[in-house]
N, C-alpha and C. Protein backbone atom coordinates (compact mmCIF):
# COMPACT_ATOMS: atom_id res chain seq x y z
N UNK A 1 0.84 -1.17 0.00
CA UNK A 1 0.00 0.00 0.00
C UNK A 1 0.89 1.23 0.00
N UNK A 2 0.54 2.21 -0.81
CA UNK A 2 1.24 3.49 -0.85
C UNK A 2 0.28 4.61 -0.53
N UNK A 3 0.75 5.56 0.26
CA UNK A 3 -0.04 6.75 0.55
C UNK A 3 0.51 7.86 -0.32
N UNK A 4 -0.37 8.52 -1.09
CA UNK A 4 0.10 9.58 -1.97
C UNK A 4 -0.34 10.96 -1.50
N UNK A 5 -1.31 11.03 -0.55
CA UNK A 5 -1.76 12.32 -0.06
C UNK A 5 -2.41 12.17 1.31
N UNK A 6 -2.12 13.13 2.19
CA UNK A 6 -2.77 13.22 3.50
C UNK A 6 -3.14 14.67 3.73
N UNK A 7 -4.35 14.90 4.23
CA UNK A 7 -4.81 16.24 4.58
C UNK A 7 -4.92 16.35 6.10
N UNK A 8 -4.30 17.38 6.65
CA UNK A 8 -4.38 17.66 8.08
C UNK A 8 -5.17 18.95 8.24
N UNK A 9 -6.11 18.97 9.21
CA UNK A 9 -6.99 20.11 9.37
C UNK A 9 -7.00 20.57 10.83
N UNK A 10 -6.79 21.85 11.04
CA UNK A 10 -6.92 22.48 12.36
C UNK A 10 -8.29 23.12 12.40
N UNK A 11 -9.11 22.71 13.38
CA UNK A 11 -10.47 23.23 13.49
C UNK A 11 -10.59 24.18 14.67
N UNK A 12 -11.52 25.12 14.56
CA UNK A 12 -11.81 25.97 15.71
C UNK A 12 -12.78 25.24 16.64
N UNK A 13 -13.17 25.86 17.72
CA UNK A 13 -14.04 25.20 18.70
C UNK A 13 -15.39 24.80 18.12
N UNK A 14 -15.82 25.48 17.07
CA UNK A 14 -17.08 25.15 16.42
C UNK A 14 -16.96 24.02 15.41
N UNK A 15 -15.74 23.53 15.20
CA UNK A 15 -15.52 22.45 14.25
C UNK A 15 -15.25 22.89 12.84
N UNK A 16 -15.13 24.21 12.62
CA UNK A 16 -14.84 24.72 11.28
C UNK A 16 -13.34 24.73 11.04
N UNK A 17 -12.91 24.36 9.84
CA UNK A 17 -11.47 24.37 9.55
C UNK A 17 -10.90 25.79 9.55
N UNK A 18 -9.76 25.97 10.20
CA UNK A 18 -9.10 27.27 10.20
C UNK A 18 -7.77 27.23 9.45
N UNK A 19 -7.09 26.11 9.53
CA UNK A 19 -5.82 25.91 8.82
C UNK A 19 -5.81 24.50 8.26
N UNK A 20 -5.19 24.34 7.10
CA UNK A 20 -5.04 23.01 6.53
C UNK A 20 -3.60 22.81 6.05
N UNK A 21 -3.21 21.56 5.99
CA UNK A 21 -1.92 21.19 5.41
C UNK A 21 -2.15 19.94 4.59
N UNK A 22 -1.72 19.99 3.34
CA UNK A 22 -1.84 18.84 2.45
C UNK A 22 -0.43 18.36 2.12
N UNK A 23 -0.20 17.08 2.38
CA UNK A 23 1.10 16.46 2.12
C UNK A 23 0.91 15.49 0.96
N UNK A 24 1.71 15.66 -0.10
CA UNK A 24 1.58 14.78 -1.26
C UNK A 24 2.95 14.33 -1.76
N UNK A 25 2.95 13.15 -2.30
CA UNK A 25 4.10 12.65 -3.05
C UNK A 25 3.61 11.47 -3.87
N UNK A 26 3.52 11.70 -5.15
CA UNK A 26 3.10 10.65 -6.05
C UNK A 26 4.32 9.85 -6.49
N UNK A 27 4.09 8.64 -6.95
CA UNK A 27 5.17 7.76 -7.38
C UNK A 27 6.07 8.49 -8.37
N UNK A 28 7.36 8.49 -8.09
CA UNK A 28 8.33 9.11 -8.98
C UNK A 28 8.64 10.56 -8.67
N UNK A 29 7.87 11.21 -7.80
CA UNK A 29 8.14 12.59 -7.44
C UNK A 29 9.45 12.69 -6.66
N UNK A 30 10.22 13.73 -6.95
CA UNK A 30 11.52 13.93 -6.30
C UNK A 30 11.37 14.45 -4.88
N UNK A 31 10.30 15.20 -4.62
CA UNK A 31 10.11 15.84 -3.33
C UNK A 31 8.77 15.46 -2.70
N UNK A 32 8.70 15.61 -1.39
CA UNK A 32 7.44 15.61 -0.67
C UNK A 32 6.94 17.05 -0.74
N UNK A 33 5.73 17.24 -1.19
CA UNK A 33 5.16 18.58 -1.30
C UNK A 33 4.21 18.81 -0.13
N UNK A 34 4.44 19.90 0.61
CA UNK A 34 3.59 20.25 1.74
C UNK A 34 3.01 21.64 1.46
N UNK A 35 1.69 21.71 1.38
CA UNK A 35 1.00 22.98 1.15
C UNK A 35 0.20 23.31 2.39
N UNK A 36 0.50 24.47 2.98
CA UNK A 36 -0.19 24.92 4.19
C UNK A 36 -1.05 26.13 3.83
N UNK A 37 -2.34 26.05 4.18
CA UNK A 37 -3.29 27.11 3.81
C UNK A 37 -3.96 27.65 5.06
N UNK A 38 -3.90 28.95 5.22
CA UNK A 38 -4.55 29.67 6.32
C UNK A 38 -5.26 30.87 5.70
N UNK A 39 -6.55 30.71 5.41
CA UNK A 39 -7.28 31.78 4.73
C UNK A 39 -6.72 31.98 3.34
N UNK A 40 -6.28 33.22 3.05
CA UNK A 40 -5.70 33.53 1.74
C UNK A 40 -4.20 33.25 1.67
N UNK A 41 -3.58 32.91 2.80
CA UNK A 41 -2.14 32.65 2.83
C UNK A 41 -1.87 31.20 2.49
N UNK A 42 -1.05 31.00 1.45
CA UNK A 42 -0.68 29.66 1.01
C UNK A 42 0.84 29.55 1.02
N UNK A 43 1.35 28.58 1.75
CA UNK A 43 2.79 28.32 1.80
C UNK A 43 3.05 26.93 1.23
N UNK A 44 4.01 26.84 0.30
CA UNK A 44 4.35 25.55 -0.30
C UNK A 44 5.80 25.23 0.02
N UNK A 45 6.02 24.01 0.50
CA UNK A 45 7.36 23.53 0.84
C UNK A 45 7.65 22.27 0.04
N UNK A 46 8.90 22.12 -0.39
CA UNK A 46 9.36 20.90 -1.04
C UNK A 46 10.43 20.29 -0.14
N UNK A 47 10.15 19.08 0.32
CA UNK A 47 10.99 18.42 1.31
C UNK A 47 11.73 17.24 0.67
N UNK A 48 13.02 17.13 0.94
CA UNK A 48 13.80 16.01 0.43
C UNK A 48 13.43 14.74 1.19
N UNK A 49 12.85 13.75 0.54
CA UNK A 49 12.37 12.56 1.25
C UNK A 49 13.48 11.66 1.77
N UNK A 50 14.69 11.80 1.25
CA UNK A 50 15.78 10.94 1.70
C UNK A 50 16.68 11.64 2.72
N UNK A 51 16.22 12.77 3.25
CA UNK A 51 16.99 13.54 4.23
C UNK A 51 16.18 13.64 5.52
N UNK A 52 16.55 12.84 6.52
CA UNK A 52 15.80 12.83 7.79
C UNK A 52 15.76 14.21 8.45
N UNK A 53 16.83 14.96 8.33
CA UNK A 53 16.88 16.29 8.93
C UNK A 53 15.86 17.22 8.29
N UNK A 54 15.73 17.15 6.97
CA UNK A 54 14.77 17.98 6.24
C UNK A 54 13.35 17.59 6.62
N UNK A 55 13.09 16.29 6.71
CA UNK A 55 11.76 15.81 7.07
C UNK A 55 11.43 16.19 8.52
N UNK A 56 12.39 16.06 9.43
CA UNK A 56 12.14 16.41 10.82
C UNK A 56 11.89 17.92 10.96
N UNK A 57 12.63 18.72 10.20
CA UNK A 57 12.42 20.16 10.22
C UNK A 57 11.00 20.51 9.74
N UNK A 58 10.55 19.83 8.69
CA UNK A 58 9.19 20.06 8.20
C UNK A 58 8.16 19.62 9.23
N UNK A 59 8.44 18.55 9.95
CA UNK A 59 7.55 18.09 11.01
C UNK A 59 7.40 19.16 12.08
N UNK A 60 8.50 19.80 12.43
CA UNK A 60 8.47 20.89 13.40
C UNK A 60 7.65 22.07 12.90
N UNK A 61 7.81 22.39 11.63
CA UNK A 61 7.02 23.48 11.03
C UNK A 61 5.53 23.16 11.04
N UNK A 62 5.19 21.92 10.67
CA UNK A 62 3.78 21.52 10.67
C UNK A 62 3.19 21.57 12.08
N UNK A 63 3.95 21.07 13.04
CA UNK A 63 3.46 21.07 14.42
C UNK A 63 3.18 22.50 14.88
N UNK A 64 4.11 23.39 14.66
CA UNK A 64 3.94 24.78 15.08
C UNK A 64 2.78 25.43 14.34
N UNK A 65 2.71 25.21 13.04
CA UNK A 65 1.68 25.81 12.20
C UNK A 65 0.28 25.35 12.62
N UNK A 66 0.10 24.05 12.80
CA UNK A 66 -1.23 23.52 13.09
C UNK A 66 -1.61 23.61 14.57
N UNK A 67 -0.65 23.41 15.46
CA UNK A 67 -0.95 23.42 16.89
C UNK A 67 -0.87 24.83 17.48
N UNK A 68 -0.10 25.70 16.84
CA UNK A 68 -0.04 27.10 17.27
C UNK A 68 0.95 27.39 18.39
N UNK A 69 1.82 26.45 18.68
CA UNK A 69 2.84 26.67 19.72
C UNK A 69 4.02 25.75 19.42
N UNK A 70 5.17 26.09 20.03
CA UNK A 70 6.37 25.27 19.85
C UNK A 70 6.22 24.02 20.71
N UNK A 71 6.10 22.88 20.06
CA UNK A 71 5.83 21.64 20.76
C UNK A 71 7.06 20.93 21.26
N UNK A 72 6.81 19.88 22.02
CA UNK A 72 7.88 19.03 22.53
C UNK A 72 8.34 18.10 21.41
N UNK A 73 9.46 17.42 21.64
CA UNK A 73 9.94 16.46 20.64
C UNK A 73 8.90 15.40 20.34
N UNK A 74 8.18 14.94 21.35
CA UNK A 74 7.18 13.89 21.10
C UNK A 74 6.04 14.42 20.24
N UNK A 75 5.68 15.68 20.41
CA UNK A 75 4.63 16.27 19.56
C UNK A 75 5.12 16.42 18.12
N UNK A 76 6.36 16.82 17.96
CA UNK A 76 6.94 16.94 16.62
C UNK A 76 7.05 15.56 15.97
N UNK A 77 7.40 14.57 16.76
CA UNK A 77 7.51 13.21 16.22
C UNK A 77 6.18 12.68 15.72
N UNK A 78 5.07 13.14 16.28
CA UNK A 78 3.75 12.75 15.76
C UNK A 78 3.62 13.16 14.29
N UNK A 79 4.09 14.35 13.96
CA UNK A 79 4.05 14.83 12.58
C UNK A 79 5.12 14.14 11.74
N UNK A 80 6.26 13.86 12.34
CA UNK A 80 7.32 13.15 11.63
C UNK A 80 6.82 11.78 11.17
N UNK A 81 6.10 11.08 12.03
CA UNK A 81 5.57 9.76 11.67
C UNK A 81 4.60 9.85 10.48
N UNK A 82 3.88 10.93 10.39
CA UNK A 82 3.01 11.14 9.22
C UNK A 82 3.86 11.31 7.97
N UNK A 83 4.88 12.15 8.07
CA UNK A 83 5.75 12.41 6.91
C UNK A 83 6.55 11.18 6.50
N UNK A 84 6.83 10.28 7.44
CA UNK A 84 7.57 9.06 7.11
C UNK A 84 6.88 8.24 6.02
N UNK A 85 5.57 8.35 5.92
CA UNK A 85 4.84 7.64 4.90
C UNK A 85 5.25 8.06 3.48
N UNK A 86 5.91 9.20 3.36
CA UNK A 86 6.27 9.74 2.05
C UNK A 86 7.77 9.68 1.78
N UNK A 87 8.54 9.11 2.71
CA UNK A 87 9.99 9.04 2.54
C UNK A 87 10.36 7.85 1.65
N UNK A 88 11.58 7.90 1.12
CA UNK A 88 12.09 6.80 0.30
C UNK A 88 12.28 5.56 1.13
């Protein structure tokens, strides 16, 4: 089984999405593509899938972006485990 896309959604207390992050990597793609959307602001990152440091750094960015605070290593590792699905 291969995962080619995962959507992560930050919801407000009413359950409405406030921020989203879409992680994609289709077969043969050189990079993991991470698109973070907050209203009209769109940030796109290209992550090297064979570089653990690059993937861990992106995990930290995702954690901060979606959770809204600088998390602990275990919180960042939760996002790292998601990104691992897209590594070589």
